[in-house]
Amino acid sequence: MIRPTTRSRKTSESGASAVEFALVVPFLVLILGGILDFGFIFSQQIALNNAARDAARAGVVSNLAGAGLTCAQISTKLTNSLTSSAVGLSSAAVNVTVSSSATDPSASCTANTANKPCTKSSAGDQLTVVATFNSSPPFPLPYLNGIQVRGQGIFQCEYT
């Protein structure tokens, strides 16, 4: 009896996983970079919002002597609260705008930073504090070159 020779043909697949890995890695790196950048920018957004709300709240209340903060003091309060709050956020590079809806010119923060924005306010007048920062994410993605992050705090004046 003649036995037919059967050869087992095993094809080598040792390089297939390396090729698949090389095809998948760029997409994986882009996704992880996007997640990293989003978290970085979101952290800065939260820090700016919290700092702006804290500064606006401090600006609308008066101390025990009955005096409120000046526009410059409100701006300083915002930048001081940002010193250790977010990764990659430089408090010196933050642009702060303090404005009041009061019609009295002595409450204007654009004319003089020594003005108190809630001075001579009427019912419903609001103090708005806006902080903006040009963020550059750590992972160089082409669609996230520079994003302006903005935080805002609005409160009604509680003293006149």
C-alpha atoms as a PDB file:
ATOM      1  CA  MET A   1       0.000   0.000   0.000  1.00  0.00           C
ATOM      2  CA  ILE A   2       1.310   3.283  -1.080  1.00  0.00           C
ATOM      3  CA  ARG A   3       0.682   6.026   1.257  1.00  0.00           C
ATOM      4  CA  PRO A   4       0.103   9.433  -0.267  1.00  0.00           C
ATOM      5  CA  THR A   5       2.459  12.023   1.015  1.00  0.00           C
ATOM      6  CA  THR A   6       0.610  14.808   2.644  1.00  0.00           C
ATOM      7  CA  ARG A   7       2.482  17.862   3.397  1.00  0.00           C
ATOM      8  CA  SER A   8       1.115  20.221   5.902  1.00  0.00           C
ATOM      9  CA  ARG A   9       1.388  23.654   4.535  1.00  0.00           C
ATOM     10  CA  LYS A  10       1.618  26.148   7.295  1.00  0.00           C
ATOM     11  CA  THR A  11       1.837  29.675   6.173  1.00  0.00           C
ATOM     12  CA  SER A  12       3.914  31.935   8.268  1.00  0.00           C
ATOM     13  CA  GLU A  13       1.937  34.772   9.842  1.00  0.00           C
ATOM     14  CA  SER A  14       4.657  36.093  12.065  1.00  0.00           C
ATOM     15  CA  GLY A  15       4.796  39.551  10.421  1.00  0.00           C
ATOM     16  CA  ALA A  16       1.040  40.086  10.092  1.00  0.00           C
ATOM     17  CA  SER A  17       0.541  41.320  13.632  1.00  0.00           C
ATOM     18  CA  ALA A  18       3.405  43.795  13.252  1.00  0.00           C
ATOM     19  CA  VAL A  19       1.840  45.196  10.083  1.00  0.00           C
ATOM     20  CA  GLU A  20      -1.571  45.460  11.731  1.00  0.00           C
ATOM     21  CA  PHE A  21      -0.012  47.186  14.719  1.00  0.00           C
ATOM     22  CA  ALA A  22       1.784  49.660  12.444  1.00  0.00           C
ATOM     23  CA  LEU A  23      -1.501  50.465  10.696  1.00  0.00           C
ATOM     24  CA  VAL A  24      -3.445  51.015  13.936  1.00  0.00           C
ATOM     25  CA  VAL A  25      -0.876  52.973  15.985  1.00  0.00           C
ATOM     26  CA  PRO A  26      -1.220  56.363  14.203  1.00  0.00           C
ATOM     27  CA  PHE A  27      -4.980  56.407  14.767  1.00  0.00           C
ATOM     28  CA  LEU A  28      -4.549  55.333  18.372  1.00  0.00           C
ATOM     29  CA  VAL A  29      -1.998  58.080  18.998  1.00  0.00           C
ATOM     30  CA  LEU A  30      -4.307  60.705  17.439  1.00  0.00           C
ATOM     31  CA  ILE A  31      -7.223  59.590  19.598  1.00  0.00           C
ATOM     32  CA  LEU A  32      -5.130  59.602  22.780  1.00  0.00           C
ATOM     33  CA  GLY A  33      -3.671  63.005  21.850  1.00  0.00           C
ATOM     34  CA  GLY A  34      -7.153  64.406  21.317  1.00  0.00           C
ATOM     35  CA  ILE A  35      -8.279  63.091  24.692  1.00  0.00           C
ATOM     36  CA  LEU A  36      -5.216  64.623  26.343  1.00  0.00           C
ATOM     37  CA  ASP A  37      -5.756  68.006  24.661  1.00  0.00           C
ATOM     38  CA  PHE A  38      -9.472  68.029  25.461  1.00  0.00           C
ATOM     39  CA  GLY A  39      -8.769  67.311  29.130  1.00  0.00           C
ATOM     40  CA  PHE A  40      -6.086  70.005  29.208  1.00  0.00           C
ATOM     41  CA  ILE A  41      -8.376  72.666  27.712  1.00  0.00           C
ATOM     42  CA  PHE A  42     -11.363  71.558  29.791  1.00  0.00           C
ATOM     43  CA  SER A  43      -9.280  71.898  32.972  1.00  0.00           C
ATOM     44  CA  GLN A  44      -8.351  75.449  31.992  1.00  0.00           C
ATOM     45  CA  GLN A  45     -11.987  76.240  31.192  1.00  0.00           C
ATOM     46  CA  ILE A  46     -13.121  75.071  34.614  1.00  0.00           C
ATOM     47  CA  ALA A  47     -10.357  77.047  36.347  1.00  0.00           C
ATOM     48  CA  LEU A  48     -11.250  80.239  34.462  1.00  0.00           C
ATOM     49  CA  ASN A  49     -14.961  79.849  35.204  1.00  0.00           C
ATOM     50  CA  ASN A  50     -14.337  79.284  38.908  1.00  0.00           C
ATOM     51  CA  ALA A  51     -11.917  82.213  39.173  1.00  0.00           C
ATOM     52  CA  ALA A  52     -14.278  84.564  37.321  1.00  0.00           C
ATOM     53  CA  ARG A  53     -17.232  83.534  39.493  1.00  0.00           C
ATOM     54  CA  ASP A  54     -15.189  83.969  42.689  1.00  0.00           C
ATOM     55  CA  ALA A  55     -13.982  87.410  41.612  1.00  0.00           C
ATOM     56  CA  ALA A  56     -17.470  88.513  40.572  1.00  0.00           C
ATOM     57  CA  ARG A  57     -18.927  87.302  43.860  1.00  0.00           C
ATOM     58  CA  ALA A  58     -16.256  89.177  45.806  1.00  0.00           C
ATOM     59  CA  GLY A  59     -17.020  92.311  43.794  1.00  0.00           C
ATOM     60  CA  VAL A  60     -20.740  92.421  44.503  1.00  0.00           C
ATOM     61  CA  VAL A  61     -20.590  92.077  48.275  1.00  0.00           C
ATOM     62  CA  SER A  62     -19.300  94.696  50.675  1.00  0.00           C
ATOM     63  CA  ASN A  63     -17.059  94.077  53.657  1.00  0.00           C
ATOM     64  CA  LEU A  64     -18.109  94.779  57.244  1.00  0.00           C
ATOM     65  CA  ALA A  65     -17.143  98.441  56.899  1.00  0.00           C
ATOM     66  CA  GLY A  66     -19.543  98.751  53.964  1.00  0.00           C
ATOM     67  CA  ALA A  67     -16.906  99.184  51.260  1.00  0.00           C
ATOM     68  CA  GLY A  68     -16.743  97.095  48.115  1.00  0.00           C
ATOM     69  CA  LEU A  69     -13.800  96.091  45.972  1.00  0.00           C
ATOM     70  CA  THR A  70     -12.443  98.298  43.209  1.00  0.00           C
ATOM     71  CA  CYS A  71     -12.155  97.084  39.621  1.00  0.00           C
ATOM     72  CA  ALA A  72      -8.409  96.577  40.044  1.00  0.00           C
ATOM     73  CA  GLN A  73      -8.932  94.546  43.236  1.00  0.00           C
ATOM     74  CA  ILE A  74     -11.483  92.336  41.484  1.00  0.00           C
ATOM     75  CA  SER A  75      -9.049  91.724  38.635  1.00  0.00           C
ATOM     76  CA  THR A  76      -6.234  90.953  41.099  1.00  0.00           C
ATOM     77  CA  LYS A  77      -8.490  88.522  42.970  1.00  0.00           C
ATOM     78  CA  LEU A  78      -9.121  86.652  39.736  1.00  0.00           C
ATOM     79  CA  THR A  79      -5.442  86.380  38.781  1.00  0.00           C
ATOM     80  CA  ASN A  80      -4.468  85.373  42.333  1.00  0.00           C
ATOM     81  CA  SER A  81      -6.970  82.531  42.345  1.00  0.00           C
ATOM     82  CA  LEU A  82      -5.513  81.221  39.063  1.00  0.00           C
ATOM     83  CA  THR A  83      -1.938  80.853  40.307  1.00  0.00           C
ATOM     84  CA  SER A  84      -2.211  77.174  41.172  1.00  0.00           C
ATOM     85  CA  SER A  85      -5.560  76.131  39.770  1.00  0.00           C
ATOM     86  CA  ALA A  86      -4.941  74.781  36.264  1.00  0.00           C
ATOM     87  CA  VAL A  87      -2.198  73.036  34.376  1.00  0.00           C
ATOM     88  CA  GLY A  88      -0.534  75.193  31.749  1.00  0.00           C
ATOM     89  CA  LEU A  89      -2.503  78.316  32.604  1.00  0.00           C
ATOM     90  CA  SER A  90      -0.363  81.382  33.206  1.00  0.00           C
ATOM     91  CA  SER A  91      -2.216  83.976  35.267  1.00  0.00           C
ATOM     92  CA  ALA A  92      -0.079  86.721  33.706  1.00  0.00           C
ATOM     93  CA  ALA A  93      -1.432  85.850  30.245  1.00  0.00           C
ATOM     94  CA  VAL A  94      -5.084  86.013  31.292  1.00  0.00           C
ATOM     95  CA  ASN A  95      -7.065  88.985  30.009  1.00  0.00           C
ATOM     96  CA  VAL A  96      -9.571  90.184  32.621  1.00  0.00           C
ATOM     97  CA  THR A  97     -12.579  92.391  31.881  1.00  0.00           C
ATOM     98  CA  VAL A  98     -14.732  93.772  34.687  1.00  0.00           C
ATOM     99  CA  SER A  99     -17.945  95.550  33.733  1.00  0.00           C
ATOM    100  CA  SER A 100     -21.099  96.703  35.440  1.00  0.00           C
ATOM    101  CA  SER A 101     -24.566  97.278  34.089  1.00  0.00           C
ATOM    102  CA  ALA A 102     -24.946 100.349  36.307  1.00  0.00           C
ATOM    103  CA  THR A 103     -25.592 103.554  34.386  1.00  0.00           C
ATOM    104  CA  ASP A 104     -23.548 105.705  36.763  1.00  0.00           C
ATOM    105  CA  PRO A 105     -20.113 106.545  35.261  1.00  0.00           C
ATOM    106  CA  SER A 106     -18.485 106.188  38.683  1.00  0.00           C
ATOM    107  CA  ALA A 107     -19.226 102.455  38.449  1.00  0.00           C
ATOM    108  CA  SER A 108     -17.477 102.043  35.099  1.00  0.00           C
ATOM    109  CA  CYS A 109     -14.407  99.833  35.140  1.00  0.00           C
ATOM    110  CA  THR A 110     -13.255 100.851  31.683  1.00  0.00           C
ATOM    111  CA  ALA A 111     -12.729 104.499  32.628  1.00  0.00           C
ATOM    112  CA  ASN A 112     -10.841 103.980  35.882  1.00  0.00           C
ATOM    113  CA  THR A 113      -9.708 100.837  37.680  1.00  0.00           C
ATOM    114  CA  ALA A 114     -10.110 102.568  41.067  1.00  0.00           C
ATOM    115  CA  ASN A 115     -13.884 102.729  40.617  1.00  0.00           C
ATOM    116  CA  LYS A 116     -16.142 100.422  42.571  1.00  0.00           C
ATOM    117  CA  PRO A 117     -18.451  98.740  40.052  1.00  0.00           C
ATOM    118  CA  CYS A 118     -21.477  98.350  42.318  1.00  0.00           C
ATOM    119  CA  THR A 119     -21.369 101.915  43.652  1.00  0.00           C
ATOM    120  CA  LYS A 120     -24.694 103.692  43.191  1.00  0.00           C
ATOM    121  CA  SER A 121     -26.226 100.585  41.667  1.00  0.00           C
ATOM    122  CA  SER A 122     -29.932 100.105  41.424  1.00  0.00           C
ATOM    123  CA  ALA A 123     -32.019  96.957  41.720  1.00  0.00           C
ATOM    124  CA  GLY A 124     -31.048  94.406  39.092  1.00  0.00           C
ATOM    125  CA  ASP A 125     -27.630  95.889  38.230  1.00  0.00           C
ATOM    126  CA  GLN A 126     -25.110  93.182  37.540  1.00  0.00           C
ATOM    127  CA  LEU A 127     -21.359  92.824  37.741  1.00  0.00           C
ATOM    128  CA  THR A 128     -19.759  90.791  34.968  1.00  0.00           C
ATOM    129  CA  VAL A 129     -16.218  89.435  35.180  1.00  0.00           C
ATOM    130  CA  VAL A 130     -14.791  87.788  32.053  1.00  0.00           C
ATOM    131  CA  ALA A 131     -11.427  86.037  31.853  1.00  0.00           C
ATOM    132  CA  THR A 132      -9.948  84.921  28.519  1.00  0.00           C
ATOM    133  CA  PHE A 133      -6.796  82.951  27.846  1.00  0.00           C
ATOM    134  CA  ASN A 134      -5.201  81.769  24.590  1.00  0.00           C
ATOM    135  CA  SER A 135      -4.440  78.130  25.251  1.00  0.00           C
ATOM    136  CA  SER A 136      -1.989  75.999  23.333  1.00  0.00           C
ATOM    137  CA  PRO A 137      -2.573  72.298  24.024  1.00  0.00           C
ATOM    138  CA  PRO A 138       0.431  70.080  24.811  1.00  0.00           C
ATOM    139  CA  PHE A 139      -0.169  67.537  22.056  1.00  0.00           C
ATOM    140  CA  PRO A 140       0.376  69.088  18.603  1.00  0.00           C
ATOM    141  CA  LEU A 141      -2.808  68.311  16.730  1.00  0.00           C
ATOM    142  CA  PRO A 142      -3.376  70.284  13.532  1.00  0.00           C
ATOM    143  CA  TYR A 143      -6.953  71.230  14.383  1.00  0.00           C
ATOM    144  CA  LEU A 144      -6.130  72.461  17.920  1.00  0.00           C
ATOM    145  CA  ASN A 145      -3.377  75.006  17.324  1.00  0.00           C
ATOM    146  CA  GLY A 146      -4.647  77.738  19.598  1.00  0.00           C
ATOM    147  CA  ILE A 147      -7.965  77.939  21.361  1.00  0.00           C
ATOM    148  CA  GLN A 148      -9.307  80.884  23.284  1.00  0.00           C
ATOM    149  CA  VAL A 149     -10.671  79.669  26.597  1.00  0.00           C
ATOM    150  CA  ARG A 150     -13.209  81.935  28.307  1.00  0.00           C
ATOM    151  CA  GLY A 151     -14.619  82.020  31.812  1.00  0.00           C
ATOM    152  CA  GLN A 152     -17.412  84.286  33.004  1.00  0.00           C
ATOM    153  CA  GLY A 153     -19.048  85.210  36.270  1.00  0.00           C
ATOM    154  CA  ILE A 154     -22.192  87.340  36.577  1.00  0.00           C
ATOM    155  CA  PHE A 155     -23.727  88.400  39.883  1.00  0.00           C
ATOM    156  CA  GLN A 156     -26.215  91.066  40.958  1.00  0.00           C
ATOM    157  CA  CYS A 157     -24.839  93.917  43.026  1.00  0.00           C
ATOM    158  CA  GLU A 158     -25.770  93.566  46.699  1.00  0.00           C
ATOM    159  CA  TYR A 159     -24.838  97.033  47.906  1.00  0.00           C
ATOM    160  CA  THR A 160     -25.224 100.564  46.613  1.00  0.00           C
END
